[in-house]
Amino acid sequence: MSFALYMIGFLVFLGGLVWGASVMGVPTLYIGIGATILLGIGIFSAVGRTRGKDPS
C-alpha cells in the first residue's frame, strides 16, 4: 500500500513539473525525455523505500 501512495505522490509531482515545463515553452520532446527519466528514478526510489527486509 505504501508503494502505491509513494507512486501517486510522485506522479502528482511529475505532472506539476511537466505542466510547468509546457507553460514555459519547453519542447515536447525534451519534456517526454525528462518525464521518462524522472519516472524511472521514481520507481527505483519507491521500490527501495518500500521493500521489506529479507528475514535472515
PDB file of N, CA and C in Angstrom:
ATOM      1  N   MET A   1       0.815  -1.199   0.000  1.00  0.00           N
ATOM      2  CA  MET A   1       0.000   0.000   0.000  1.00  0.00           C
ATOM      3  C   MET A   1       0.857   1.260   0.000  1.00  0.00           C
ATOM      4  N   SER A   2       1.961   1.265   0.754  1.00  0.00           N
ATOM      5  CA  SER A   2       2.791   2.452   0.804  1.00  0.00           C
ATOM      6  C   SER A   2       3.473   2.698  -0.540  1.00  0.00           C
ATOM      7  N   PHE A   3       3.727   1.619  -1.317  1.00  0.00           N
ATOM      8  CA  PHE A   3       4.298   1.805  -2.653  1.00  0.00           C
ATOM      9  C   PHE A   3       3.330   2.579  -3.530  1.00  0.00           C
ATOM     10  N   ALA A   4       2.055   2.233  -3.471  1.00  0.00           N
ATOM     11  CA  ALA A   4       1.052   2.931  -4.292  1.00  0.00           C
ATOM     12  C   ALA A   4       0.944   4.394  -3.876  1.00  0.00           C
ATOM     13  N   LEU A   5       0.958   4.675  -2.583  1.00  0.00           N
ATOM     14  CA  LEU A   5       0.901   6.058  -2.115  1.00  0.00           C
ATOM     15  C   LEU A   5       2.127   6.848  -2.551  1.00  0.00           C
ATOM     16  N   TYR A   6       3.287   6.230  -2.479  1.00  0.00           N
ATOM     17  CA  TYR A   6       4.519   6.888  -2.903  1.00  0.00           C
ATOM     18  C   TYR A   6       4.443   7.214  -4.395  1.00  0.00           C
ATOM     19  N   MET A   7       3.975   6.264  -5.201  1.00  0.00           N
ATOM     20  CA  MET A   7       3.908   6.479  -6.644  1.00  0.00           C
ATOM     21  C   MET A   7       2.852   7.517  -7.010  1.00  0.00           C
ATOM     22  N   ILE A   8       1.738   7.534  -6.306  1.00  0.00           N
ATOM     23  CA  ILE A   8       0.714   8.549  -6.577  1.00  0.00           C
ATOM     24  C   ILE A   8       1.274   9.942  -6.289  1.00  0.00           C
ATOM     25  N   GLY A   9       1.949  10.089  -5.187  1.00  0.00           N
ATOM     26  CA  GLY A   9       2.563  11.371  -4.854  1.00  0.00           C
ATOM     27  C   GLY A   9       3.615  11.784  -5.867  1.00  0.00           C
ATOM     28  N   PHE A  10       4.409  10.819  -6.305  1.00  0.00           N
ATOM     29  CA  PHE A  10       5.440  11.132  -7.288  1.00  0.00           C
ATOM     30  C   PHE A  10       4.825  11.497  -8.631  1.00  0.00           C
ATOM     31  N   LEU A  11       3.755  10.830  -9.022  1.00  0.00           N
ATOM     32  CA  LEU A  11       3.091  11.157 -10.283  1.00  0.00           C
ATOM     33  C   LEU A  11       2.465  12.545 -10.246  1.00  0.00           C
ATOM     34  N   VAL A  12       1.927  12.942  -9.104  1.00  0.00           N
ATOM     35  CA  VAL A  12       1.394  14.298  -8.963  1.00  0.00           C
ATOM     36  C   VAL A  12       2.535  15.312  -9.093  1.00  0.00           C
ATOM     37  N   PHE A  13       3.651  15.040  -8.451  1.00  0.00           N
ATOM     38  CA  PHE A  13       4.830  15.893  -8.553  1.00  0.00           C
ATOM     39  C   PHE A  13       5.326  15.976  -9.995  1.00  0.00           C
ATOM     40  N   LEU A  14       5.409  14.836 -10.664  1.00  0.00           N
ATOM     41  CA  LEU A  14       5.863  14.797 -12.051  1.00  0.00           C
ATOM     42  C   LEU A  14       4.899  15.539 -12.966  1.00  0.00           C
ATOM     43  N   GLY A  15       3.607  15.395 -12.723  1.00  0.00           N
ATOM     44  CA  GLY A  15       2.622  16.121 -13.514  1.00  0.00           C
ATOM     45  C   GLY A  15       2.779  17.627 -13.376  1.00  0.00           C
ATOM     46  N   GLY A  16       3.077  18.087 -12.177  1.00  0.00           N
ATOM     47  CA  GLY A  16       3.310  19.510 -11.966  1.00  0.00           C
ATOM     48  C   GLY A  16       4.542  20.003 -12.700  1.00  0.00           C
ATOM     49  N   LEU A  17       5.590  19.203 -12.696  1.00  0.00           N
ATOM     50  CA  LEU A  17       6.794  19.580 -13.429  1.00  0.00           C
ATOM     51  C   LEU A  17       6.552  19.634 -14.934  1.00  0.00           C
ATOM     52  N   VAL A  18       5.831  18.643 -15.450  1.00  0.00           N
ATOM     53  CA  VAL A  18       5.530  18.606 -16.886  1.00  0.00           C
ATOM     54  C   VAL A  18       4.660  19.787 -17.269  1.00  0.00           C
ATOM     55  N   TRP A  19       3.668  20.082 -16.471  1.00  0.00           N
ATOM     56  CA  TRP A  19       2.795  21.221 -16.751  1.00  0.00           C
ATOM     57  C   TRP A  19       3.573  22.532 -16.736  1.00  0.00           C
ATOM     58  N   GLY A  20       4.427  22.703 -15.735  1.00  0.00           N
ATOM     59  CA  GLY A  20       5.240  23.906 -15.650  1.00  0.00           C
ATOM     60  C   GLY A  20       6.186  24.048 -16.835  1.00  0.00           C
ATOM     61  N   ALA A  21       6.777  22.937 -17.255  1.00  0.00           N
ATOM     62  CA  ALA A  21       7.683  22.989 -18.397  1.00  0.00           C
ATOM     63  C   ALA A  21       6.938  23.328 -19.678  1.00  0.00           C
ATOM     64  N   SER A  22       5.727  22.809 -19.828  1.00  0.00           N
ATOM     65  CA  SER A  22       4.967  23.115 -21.043  1.00  0.00           C
ATOM     66  C   SER A  22       4.521  24.571 -21.059  1.00  0.00           C
ATOM     67  N   VAL A  23       4.194  25.129 -19.906  1.00  0.00           N
ATOM     68  CA  VAL A  23       3.817  26.536 -19.826  1.00  0.00           C
ATOM     69  C   VAL A  23       5.018  27.428 -20.152  1.00  0.00           C
ATOM     70  N   MET A  24       6.218  26.988 -19.751  1.00  0.00           N
ATOM     71  CA  MET A  24       7.419  27.759 -20.023  1.00  0.00           C
ATOM     72  C   MET A  24       7.862  27.663 -21.486  1.00  0.00           C
ATOM     73  N   GLY A  25       7.267  26.759 -22.245  1.00  0.00           N
ATOM     74  CA  GLY A  25       7.592  26.646 -23.656  1.00  0.00           C
ATOM     75  C   GLY A  25       8.695  25.652 -23.978  1.00  0.00           C
ATOM     76  N   VAL A  26       8.962  24.726 -23.077  1.00  0.00           N
ATOM     77  CA  VAL A  26       9.967  23.699 -23.334  1.00  0.00           C
ATOM     78  C   VAL A  26       9.418  22.761 -24.419  1.00  0.00           C
ATOM     79  N   PRO A  27      10.251  22.388 -25.408  1.00  0.00           N
ATOM     80  CA  PRO A  27       9.773  21.490 -26.462  1.00  0.00           C
ATOM     81  C   PRO A  27       9.262  20.154 -25.907  1.00  0.00           C
ATOM     82  N   THR A  28       8.249  19.621 -26.552  1.00  0.00           N
ATOM     83  CA  THR A  28       7.593  18.401 -26.094  1.00  0.00           C
ATOM     84  C   THR A  28       8.553  17.221 -26.027  1.00  0.00           C
ATOM     85  N   LEU A  29       9.487  17.149 -26.954  1.00  0.00           N
ATOM     86  CA  LEU A  29      10.461  16.053 -26.947  1.00  0.00           C
ATOM     87  C   LEU A  29      11.265  16.049 -25.657  1.00  0.00           C
ATOM     88  N   TYR A  30      11.737  17.214 -25.235  1.00  0.00           N
ATOM     89  CA  TYR A  30      12.524  17.306 -24.007  1.00  0.00           C
ATOM     90  C   TYR A  30      11.675  17.017 -22.772  1.00  0.00           C
ATOM     91  N   ILE A  31      10.423  17.428 -22.807  1.00  0.00           N
ATOM     92  CA  ILE A  31       9.527  17.128 -21.684  1.00  0.00           C
ATOM     93  C   ILE A  31       9.332  15.617 -21.567  1.00  0.00           C
ATOM     94  N   GLY A  32       9.122  14.954 -22.697  1.00  0.00           N
ATOM     95  CA  GLY A  32       8.940  13.498 -22.684  1.00  0.00           C
ATOM     96  C   GLY A  32      10.167  12.763 -22.186  1.00  0.00           C
ATOM     97  N   ILE A  33      11.330  13.184 -22.645  1.00  0.00           N
ATOM     98  CA  ILE A  33      12.575  12.539 -22.210  1.00  0.00           C
ATOM     99  C   ILE A  33      12.777  12.738 -20.708  1.00  0.00           C
ATOM    100  N   GLY A  34      12.600  13.970 -20.242  1.00  0.00           N
ATOM    101  CA  GLY A  34      12.774  14.244 -18.816  1.00  0.00           C
ATOM    102  C   GLY A  34      11.766  13.514 -17.951  1.00  0.00           C
ATOM    103  N   ALA A  35      10.510  13.457 -18.413  1.00  0.00           N
ATOM    104  CA  ALA A  35       9.477  12.759 -17.642  1.00  0.00           C
ATOM    105  C   ALA A  35       9.766  11.263 -17.560  1.00  0.00           C
ATOM    106  N   THR A  36      10.262  10.678 -18.650  1.00  0.00           N
ATOM    107  CA  THR A  36      10.595   9.248 -18.638  1.00  0.00           C
ATOM    108  C   THR A  36      11.738   8.960 -17.674  1.00  0.00           C
ATOM    109  N   ILE A  37      12.749   9.797 -17.683  1.00  0.00           N
ATOM    110  CA  ILE A  37      13.884   9.608 -16.770  1.00  0.00           C
ATOM    111  C   ILE A  37      13.436   9.764 -15.321  1.00  0.00           C
ATOM    112  N   LEU A  38      12.651  10.815 -15.043  1.00  0.00           N
ATOM    113  CA  LEU A  38      12.184  11.024 -13.663  1.00  0.00           C
ATOM    114  C   LEU A  38      11.243   9.914 -13.207  1.00  0.00           C
ATOM    115  N   LEU A  39      10.431   9.377 -14.122  1.00  0.00           N
ATOM    116  CA  LEU A  39       9.550   8.264 -13.756  1.00  0.00           C
ATOM    117  C   LEU A  39      10.371   7.036 -13.370  1.00  0.00           C
ATOM    118  N   GLY A  40      11.429   6.759 -14.112  1.00  0.00           N
ATOM    119  CA  GLY A  40      12.311   5.640 -13.759  1.00  0.00           C
ATOM    120  C   GLY A  40      12.958   5.834 -12.403  1.00  0.00           C
ATOM    121  N   ILE A  41      13.432   7.041 -12.139  1.00  0.00           N
ATOM    122  CA  ILE A  41      14.032   7.334 -10.837  1.00  0.00           C
ATOM    123  C   ILE A  41      12.993   7.185  -9.730  1.00  0.00           C
ATOM    124  N   GLY A  42      11.770   7.624  -9.991  1.00  0.00           N
ATOM    125  CA  GLY A  42      10.702   7.495  -9.001  1.00  0.00           C
ATOM    126  C   GLY A  42      10.367   6.051  -8.685  1.00  0.00           C
ATOM    127  N   ILE A  43      10.340   5.210  -9.711  1.00  0.00           N
ATOM    128  CA  ILE A  43      10.048   3.788  -9.480  1.00  0.00           C
ATOM    129  C   ILE A  43      11.165   3.144  -8.675  1.00  0.00           C
ATOM    130  N   PHE A  44      12.424   3.430  -9.043  1.00  0.00           N
ATOM    131  CA  PHE A  44      13.549   2.866  -8.293  1.00  0.00           C
ATOM    132  C   PHE A  44      13.527   3.296  -6.833  1.00  0.00           C
ATOM    133  N   SER A  45      13.273   4.564  -6.582  1.00  0.00           N
ATOM    134  CA  SER A  45      13.279   5.026  -5.197  1.00  0.00           C
ATOM    135  C   SER A  45      12.063   4.510  -4.427  1.00  0.00           C
ATOM    136  N   ALA A  46      10.917   4.360  -5.088  1.00  0.00           N
ATOM    137  CA  ALA A  46       9.737   3.811  -4.412  1.00  0.00           C
ATOM    138  C   ALA A  46       9.968   2.360  -4.015  1.00  0.00           C
ATOM    139  N   VAL A  47      10.565   1.591  -4.892  1.00  0.00           N
ATOM    140  CA  VAL A  47      10.850   0.192  -4.568  1.00  0.00           C
ATOM    141  C   VAL A  47      11.866   0.116  -3.433  1.00  0.00           C
ATOM    142  N   GLY A  48      12.880   0.953  -3.495  1.00  0.00           N
ATOM    143  CA  GLY A  48      13.911   0.937  -2.449  1.00  0.00           C
ATOM    144  C   GLY A  48      13.379   1.336  -1.089  1.00  0.00           C
ATOM    145  N   ARG A  49      12.447   2.279  -1.050  1.00  0.00           N
ATOM    146  CA  ARG A  49      11.918   2.742   0.240  1.00  0.00           C
ATOM    147  C   ARG A  49      10.845   1.822   0.804  1.00  0.00           C
ATOM    148  N   THR A  50      10.152   1.085  -0.032  1.00  0.00           N
ATOM    149  CA  THR A  50       9.027   0.296   0.459  1.00  0.00           C
ATOM    150  C   THR A  50       9.316  -1.209   0.491  1.00  0.00           C
ATOM    151  N   ARG A  51      10.466  -1.628  -0.005  1.00  0.00           N
ATOM    152  CA  ARG A  51      10.777  -3.054   0.006  1.00  0.00           C
ATOM    153  C   ARG A  51      11.038  -3.518   1.425  1.00  0.00           C
ATOM    154  N   GLY A  52      10.463  -4.656   1.785  1.00  0.00           N
ATOM    155  CA  GLY A  52      10.652  -5.193   3.121  1.00  0.00           C
ATOM    156  C   GLY A  52      12.026  -5.826   3.286  1.00  0.00           C
ATOM    157  N   LYS A  53      12.474  -5.904   4.515  1.00  0.00           N
ATOM    158  CA  LYS A  53      13.763  -6.520   4.812  1.00  0.00           C
ATOM    159  C   LYS A  53      13.656  -8.028   4.648  1.00  0.00           C
ATOM    160  N   ASP A  54      14.727  -8.633   4.110  1.00  0.00           N
ATOM    161  CA  ASP A  54      14.760 -10.082   3.982  1.00  0.00           C
ATOM    162  C   ASP A  54      15.019 -10.710   5.347  1.00  0.00           C
ATOM    163  N   PRO A  55      14.156 -11.659   5.755  1.00  0.00           N
ATOM    164  CA  PRO A  55      14.397 -12.315   7.049  1.00  0.00           C
ATOM    165  C   PRO A  55      15.620 -13.212   6.975  1.00  0.00           C
ATOM    166  N   SER A  56      16.530 -13.049   7.904  1.00  0.00           N
ATOM    167  CA  SER A  56      17.763 -13.856   7.904  1.00  0.00           C
ATOM    168  C   SER A  56      17.862 -14.633   9.192  1.00  0.00           C
TER     169      SER A  56
END
